[in-house]
Amino acid sequence: MSTTVKVKHRGPLVIEGDFKIVDPAGHELCPADARRVALCRCGASRTRPLCDGSHHRIGFEAEAKEEG
């Protein structure tokens, strides 16, 4: 399976597929069998680097660039 990173409109980066996320000490931040995770893009998440939905609370405005 491949890995896809989606930039959500006014939201997080969503990673789907095969991936591993590790902290600076090398500890895995997601279960080994995880196939989907959202990463914070707004900087307000209390669970950074994972998204906790704070972008809704703060009115995050960055948008994904659309191809045209």
PDB file of N, CA and C in Angstrom:
ATOM      1  N   MET A   1       0.847  -1.189   0.000  1.00  0.00           N
ATOM      2  CA  MET A   1       0.000   0.000   0.000  1.00  0.00           C
ATOM      3  C   MET A   1       0.884   1.241   0.000  1.00  0.00           C
ATOM      4  N   SER A   2       0.475   2.251  -0.696  1.00  0.00           N
ATOM      5  CA  SER A   2       1.212   3.507  -0.743  1.00  0.00           C
ATOM      6  C   SER A   2       0.751   4.436   0.373  1.00  0.00           C
ATOM      7  N   THR A   3       1.408   5.569   0.467  1.00  0.00           N
ATOM      8  CA  THR A   3       1.065   6.574   1.468  1.00  0.00           C
ATOM      9  C   THR A   3       0.573   7.829   0.763  1.00  0.00           C
ATOM     10  N   THR A   4      -0.514   8.402   1.282  1.00  0.00           N
ATOM     11  CA  THR A   4      -1.074   9.628   0.738  1.00  0.00           C
ATOM     12  C   THR A   4      -1.153  10.658   1.846  1.00  0.00           C
ATOM     13  N   VAL A   5      -0.763  11.894   1.543  1.00  0.00           N
ATOM     14  CA  VAL A   5      -0.904  13.006   2.483  1.00  0.00           C
ATOM     15  C   VAL A   5      -1.875  13.999   1.855  1.00  0.00           C
ATOM     16  N   LYS A   6      -2.981  14.248   2.543  1.00  0.00           N
ATOM     17  CA  LYS A   6      -4.001  15.173   2.057  1.00  0.00           C
ATOM     18  C   LYS A   6      -3.994  16.430   2.924  1.00  0.00           C
ATOM     19  N   VAL A   7      -4.021  17.591   2.284  1.00  0.00           N
ATOM     20  CA  VAL A   7      -4.125  18.862   2.984  1.00  0.00           C
ATOM     21  C   VAL A   7      -5.600  19.211   3.027  1.00  0.00           C
ATOM     22  N   LYS A   8      -6.161  19.219   4.225  1.00  0.00           N
ATOM     23  CA  LYS A   8      -7.587  19.506   4.379  1.00  0.00           C
ATOM     24  C   LYS A   8      -7.834  21.010   4.423  1.00  0.00           C
ATOM     25  N   HIS A   9      -8.885  21.446   3.747  1.00  0.00           N
ATOM     26  CA  HIS A   9      -9.280  22.847   3.719  1.00  0.00           C
ATOM     27  C   HIS A   9      -9.531  23.320   5.147  1.00  0.00           C
ATOM     28  N   ARG A  10      -8.761  24.305   5.586  1.00  0.00           N
ATOM     29  CA  ARG A  10      -8.873  24.852   6.948  1.00  0.00           C
ATOM     30  C   ARG A  10      -8.761  23.783   8.028  1.00  0.00           C
ATOM     31  N   GLY A  11      -7.958  22.749   7.762  1.00  0.00           N
ATOM     32  CA  GLY A  11      -7.824  21.661   8.724  1.00  0.00           C
ATOM     33  C   GLY A  11      -6.445  21.037   8.705  1.00  0.00           C
ATOM     34  N   PRO A  12      -6.355  19.809   9.182  1.00  0.00           N
ATOM     35  CA  PRO A  12      -5.070  19.141   9.350  1.00  0.00           C
ATOM     36  C   PRO A  12      -4.524  18.541   8.060  1.00  0.00           C
ATOM     37  N   LEU A  13      -3.342  17.970   8.184  1.00  0.00           N
ATOM     38  CA  LEU A  13      -2.784  17.105   7.161  1.00  0.00           C
ATOM     39  C   LEU A  13      -3.236  15.700   7.524  1.00  0.00           C
ATOM     40  N   VAL A  14      -3.818  14.977   6.593  1.00  0.00           N
ATOM     41  CA  VAL A  14      -4.280  13.621   6.857  1.00  0.00           C
ATOM     42  C   VAL A  14      -3.368  12.654   6.104  1.00  0.00           C
ATOM     43  N   ILE A  15      -2.753  11.750   6.845  1.00  0.00           N
ATOM     44  CA  ILE A  15      -1.871  10.744   6.262  1.00  0.00           C
ATOM     45  C   ILE A  15      -2.622   9.425   6.246  1.00  0.00           C
ATOM     46  N   GLU A  16      -2.651   8.786   5.083  1.00  0.00           N
ATOM     47  CA  GLU A  16      -3.325   7.494   4.930  1.00  0.00           C
ATOM     48  C   GLU A  16      -2.379   6.509   4.267  1.00  0.00           C
ATOM     49  N   GLY A  17      -2.423   5.278   4.711  1.00  0.00           N
ATOM     50  CA  GLY A  17      -1.599   4.230   4.112  1.00  0.00           C
ATOM     51  C   GLY A  17      -0.611   3.671   5.107  1.00  0.00           C
ATOM     52  N   ASP A  18       0.557   3.332   4.607  1.00  0.00           N
ATOM     53  CA  ASP A  18       1.625   2.793   5.445  1.00  0.00           C
ATOM     54  C   ASP A  18       2.538   3.934   5.872  1.00  0.00           C
ATOM     55  N   PHE A  19       2.694   4.141   7.166  1.00  0.00           N
ATOM     56  CA  PHE A  19       3.540   5.213   7.677  1.00  0.00           C
ATOM     57  C   PHE A  19       3.954   4.900   9.099  1.00  0.00           C
ATOM     58  N   LYS A  20       4.940   5.629   9.563  1.00  0.00           N
ATOM     59  CA  LYS A  20       5.379   5.564  10.952  1.00  0.00           C
ATOM     60  C   LYS A  20       5.718   6.990  11.350  1.00  0.00           C
ATOM     61  N   ILE A  21       5.227   7.438  12.496  1.00  0.00           N
ATOM     62  CA  ILE A  21       5.547   8.761  13.014  1.00  0.00           C
ATOM     63  C   ILE A  21       6.290   8.558  14.327  1.00  0.00           C
ATOM     64  N   VAL A  22       7.483   9.136  14.413  1.00  0.00           N
ATOM     65  CA  VAL A  22       8.313   8.969  15.610  1.00  0.00           C
ATOM     66  C   VAL A  22       8.688  10.336  16.175  1.00  0.00           C
ATOM     67  N   ASP A  23       8.835  10.396  17.505  1.00  0.00           N
ATOM     68  CA  ASP A  23       9.243  11.634  18.155  1.00  0.00           C
ATOM     69  C   ASP A  23      10.770  11.748  18.088  1.00  0.00           C
ATOM     70  N   PRO A  24      11.340  12.851  18.581  1.00  0.00           N
ATOM     71  CA  PRO A  24      12.794  13.040  18.500  1.00  0.00           C
ATOM     72  C   PRO A  24      13.608  11.934  19.186  1.00  0.00           C
ATOM     73  N   ALA A  25      13.004  11.261  20.160  1.00  0.00           N
ATOM     74  CA  ALA A  25      13.702  10.181  20.860  1.00  0.00           C
ATOM     75  C   ALA A  25      13.547   8.837  20.152  1.00  0.00           C
ATOM     76  N   GLY A  26      12.762   8.817  19.054  1.00  0.00           N
ATOM     77  CA  GLY A  26      12.575   7.580  18.305  1.00  0.00           C
ATOM     78  C   GLY A  26      11.375   6.765  18.721  1.00  0.00           C
ATOM     79  N   HIS A  27      10.546   7.269  19.632  1.00  0.00           N
ATOM     80  CA  HIS A  27       9.343   6.555  20.068  1.00  0.00           C
ATOM     81  C   HIS A  27       8.221   6.760  19.058  1.00  0.00           C
ATOM     82  N   GLU A  28       7.519   5.678  18.726  1.00  0.00           N
ATOM     83  CA  GLU A  28       6.400   5.776  17.792  1.00  0.00           C
ATOM     84  C   GLU A  28       5.225   6.497  18.448  1.00  0.00           C
ATOM     85  N   LEU A  29       4.601   7.426  17.708  1.00  0.00           N
ATOM     86  CA  LEU A  29       3.494   8.205  18.247  1.00  0.00           C
ATOM     87  C   LEU A  29       2.134   7.639  17.887  1.00  0.00           C
ATOM     88  N   CYS A  30       2.087   6.674  16.984  1.00  0.00           N
ATOM     89  CA  CYS A  30       0.833   6.054  16.559  1.00  0.00           C
ATOM     90  C   CYS A  30       0.977   4.545  16.684  1.00  0.00           C
ATOM     91  N   PRO A  31      -0.120   3.835  16.894  1.00  0.00           N
ATOM     92  CA  PRO A  31      -0.043   2.374  16.909  1.00  0.00           C
ATOM     93  C   PRO A  31       0.524   1.860  15.593  1.00  0.00           C
ATOM     94  N   ALA A  32       1.243   0.758  15.641  1.00  0.00           N
ATOM     95  CA  ALA A  32       1.882   0.197  14.449  1.00  0.00           C
ATOM     96  C   ALA A  32       0.871  -0.154  13.362  1.00  0.00           C
ATOM     97  N   ASP A  33      -0.372  -0.444  13.746  1.00  0.00           N
ATOM     98  CA  ASP A  33      -1.383  -0.825  12.757  1.00  0.00           C
ATOM     99  C   ASP A  33      -2.221   0.362  12.276  1.00  0.00           C
ATOM    100  N   ALA A  34      -1.868   1.586  12.679  1.00  0.00           N
ATOM    101  CA  ALA A  34      -2.620   2.765  12.248  1.00  0.00           C
ATOM    102  C   ALA A  34      -2.495   2.932  10.739  1.00  0.00           C
ATOM    103  N   ARG A  35      -3.592   3.234  10.091  1.00  0.00           N
ATOM    104  CA  ARG A  35      -3.603   3.434   8.643  1.00  0.00           C
ATOM    105  C   ARG A  35      -4.075   4.832   8.270  1.00  0.00           C
ATOM    106  N   ARG A  36      -4.435   5.637   9.287  1.00  0.00           N
ATOM    107  CA  ARG A  36      -4.894   7.005   9.038  1.00  0.00           C
ATOM    108  C   ARG A  36      -4.620   7.836  10.283  1.00  0.00           C
ATOM    109  N   VAL A  37      -4.076   9.024  10.077  1.00  0.00           N
ATOM    110  CA  VAL A  37      -3.813   9.936  11.187  1.00  0.00           C
ATOM    111  C   VAL A  37      -3.909  11.364  10.668  1.00  0.00           C
ATOM    112  N   ALA A  38      -4.305  12.290  11.554  1.00  0.00           N
ATOM    113  CA  ALA A  38      -4.368  13.701  11.200  1.00  0.00           C
ATOM    114  C   ALA A  38      -3.294  14.444  11.989  1.00  0.00           C
ATOM    115  N   LEU A  39      -2.498  15.248  11.283  1.00  0.00           N
ATOM    116  CA  LEU A  39      -1.450  16.036  11.907  1.00  0.00           C
ATOM    117  C   LEU A  39      -1.863  17.501  11.961  1.00  0.00           C
ATOM    118  N   CYS A  40      -1.592  18.128  13.102  1.00  0.00           N
ATOM    119  CA  CYS A  40      -1.958  19.521  13.327  1.00  0.00           C
ATOM    120  C   CYS A  40      -1.233  20.433  12.344  1.00  0.00           C
ATOM    121  N   ARG A  41      -1.986  21.367  11.799  1.00  0.00           N
ATOM    122  CA  ARG A  41      -1.440  22.380  10.907  1.00  0.00           C
ATOM    123  C   ARG A  41      -1.625  23.778  11.487  1.00  0.00           C
ATOM    124  N   CYS A  42      -2.489  23.906  12.494  1.00  0.00           N
ATOM    125  CA  CYS A  42      -2.810  25.232  13.032  1.00  0.00           C
ATOM    126  C   CYS A  42      -1.916  25.627  14.203  1.00  0.00           C
ATOM    127  N   GLY A  43      -1.276  24.669  14.842  1.00  0.00           N
ATOM    128  CA  GLY A  43      -0.407  24.953  15.977  1.00  0.00           C
ATOM    129  C   GLY A  43      -1.106  25.015  17.325  1.00  0.00           C
ATOM    130  N   ALA A  44      -2.422  24.842  17.362  1.00  0.00           N
ATOM    131  CA  ALA A  44      -3.168  24.980  18.617  1.00  0.00           C
ATOM    132  C   ALA A  44      -3.502  23.645  19.287  1.00  0.00           C
ATOM    133  N   SER A  45      -3.214  22.537  18.649  1.00  0.00           N
ATOM    134  CA  SER A  45      -3.562  21.228  19.205  1.00  0.00           C
ATOM    135  C   SER A  45      -2.823  20.968  20.503  1.00  0.00           C
ATOM    136  N   ARG A  46      -3.518  20.408  21.462  1.00  0.00           N
ATOM    137  CA  ARG A  46      -2.887  20.020  22.734  1.00  0.00           C
ATOM    138  C   ARG A  46      -2.208  18.663  22.618  1.00  0.00           C
ATOM    139  N   THR A  47      -2.394  17.993  21.492  1.00  0.00           N
ATOM    140  CA  THR A  47      -1.803  16.668  21.277  1.00  0.00           C
ATOM    141  C   THR A  47      -0.808  16.685  20.122  1.00  0.00           C
ATOM    142  N   ARG A  48      -0.220  17.882  19.844  1.00  0.00           N
ATOM    143  CA  ARG A  48       0.730  17.999  18.740  1.00  0.00           C
ATOM    144  C   ARG A  48       1.781  16.921  18.827  1.00  0.00           C
ATOM    145  N   PRO A  49       2.143  16.358  17.713  1.00  0.00           N
ATOM    146  CA  PRO A  49       1.854  16.775  16.351  1.00  0.00           C
ATOM    147  C   PRO A  49       0.504  16.287  15.833  1.00  0.00           C
ATOM    148  N   LEU A  50      -0.250  15.551  16.653  1.00  0.00           N
ATOM    149  CA  LEU A  50      -1.548  15.043  16.213  1.00  0.00           C
ATOM    150  C   LEU A  50      -2.621  16.108  16.351  1.00  0.00           C
ATOM    151  N   CYS A  51      -3.597  16.073  15.484  1.00  0.00           N
ATOM    152  CA  CYS A  51      -4.699  17.029  15.494  1.00  0.00           C
ATOM    153  C   CYS A  51      -5.728  16.630  16.560  1.00  0.00           C
ATOM    154  N   ASP A  52      -6.214  17.623  17.304  1.00  0.00           N
ATOM    155  CA  ASP A  52      -7.291  17.361  18.269  1.00  0.00           C
ATOM    156  C   ASP A  52      -8.559  18.153  17.936  1.00  0.00           C
ATOM    157  N   GLY A  53      -8.588  18.753  16.747  1.00  0.00           N
ATOM    158  CA  GLY A  53      -9.758  19.518  16.331  1.00  0.00           C
ATOM    159  C   GLY A  53      -9.726  20.987  16.739  1.00  0.00           C
ATOM    160  N   SER A  54      -8.627  21.442  17.331  1.00  0.00           N
ATOM    161  CA  SER A  54      -8.532  22.830  17.791  1.00  0.00           C
ATOM    162  C   SER A  54      -8.677  23.836  16.662  1.00  0.00           C
ATOM    163  N   HIS A  55      -8.417  23.426  15.433  1.00  0.00           N
ATOM    164  CA  HIS A  55      -8.538  24.360  14.306  1.00  0.00           C
ATOM    165  C   HIS A  55      -9.963  24.911  14.202  1.00  0.00           C
ATOM    166  N   HIS A  56     -10.952  24.125  14.611  1.00  0.00           N
ATOM    167  CA  HIS A  56     -12.337  24.607  14.623  1.00  0.00           C
ATOM    168  C   HIS A  56     -12.515  25.700  15.674  1.00  0.00           C
ATOM    169  N   ARG A  57     -11.954  25.468  16.856  1.00  0.00           N
ATOM    170  CA  ARG A  57     -12.105  26.395  17.980  1.00  0.00           C
ATOM    171  C   ARG A  57     -11.450  27.741  17.705  1.00  0.00           C
ATOM    172  N   ILE A  58     -10.293  27.732  17.035  1.00  0.00           N
ATOM    173  CA  ILE A  58      -9.562  28.990  16.834  1.00  0.00           C
ATOM    174  C   ILE A  58      -9.876  29.662  15.496  1.00  0.00           C
ATOM    175  N   GLY A  59     -10.664  29.005  14.659  1.00  0.00           N
ATOM    176  CA  GLY A  59     -11.002  29.594  13.365  1.00  0.00           C
ATOM    177  C   GLY A  59      -9.847  29.592  12.386  1.00  0.00           C
ATOM    178  N   PHE A  60      -9.116  28.508  12.350  1.00  0.00           N
ATOM    179  CA  PHE A  60      -7.961  28.367  11.454  1.00  0.00           C
ATOM    180  C   PHE A  60      -8.356  28.689  10.025  1.00  0.00           C
ATOM    181  N   GLU A  61      -7.600  29.547   9.347  1.00  0.00           N
ATOM    182  CA  GLU A  61      -7.974  30.052   8.036  1.00  0.00           C
ATOM    183  C   GLU A  61      -7.109  29.608   6.870  1.00  0.00           C
ATOM    184  N   ALA A  62      -5.960  28.978   7.087  1.00  0.00           N
ATOM    185  CA  ALA A  62      -5.124  28.564   5.962  1.00  0.00           C
ATOM    186  C   ALA A  62      -5.894  27.565   5.106  1.00  0.00           C
ATOM    187  N   GLU A  63      -5.817  27.719   3.824  1.00  0.00           N
ATOM    188  CA  GLU A  63      -6.561  26.860   2.914  1.00  0.00           C
ATOM    189  C   GLU A  63      -5.592  26.048   2.074  1.00  0.00           C
ATOM    190  N   ALA A  64      -6.057  24.897   1.652  1.00  0.00           N
ATOM    191  CA  ALA A  64      -5.272  24.078   0.742  1.00  0.00           C
ATOM    192  C   ALA A  64      -5.253  24.765  -0.610  1.00  0.00           C
ATOM    193  N   LYS A  65      -4.101  24.761  -1.253  1.00  0.00           N
ATOM    194  CA  LYS A  65      -3.990  25.359  -2.577  1.00  0.00           C
ATOM    195  C   LYS A  65      -4.662  24.440  -3.586  1.00  0.00           C
ATOM    196  N   GLU A  66      -5.566  24.976  -4.337  1.00  0.00           N
ATOM    197  CA  GLU A  66      -6.273  24.171  -5.335  1.00  0.00           C
ATOM    198  C   GLU A  66      -5.539  24.241  -6.656  1.00  0.00           C
ATOM    199  N   GLU A  67      -5.475  23.089  -7.329  1.00  0.00           N
ATOM    200  CA  GLU A  67      -4.877  23.048  -8.641  1.00  0.00           C
ATOM    201  C   GLU A  67      -5.874  23.583  -9.649  1.00  0.00           C
ATOM    202  N   GLY A  68      -5.417  24.320 -10.617  1.00  0.00           N
ATOM    203  CA  GLY A  68      -6.343  24.883 -11.541  1.00  0.00           C
ATOM    204  C   GLY A  68      -5.856  24.824 -12.888  1.00  0.00           C
TER     205      GLY A  68
END
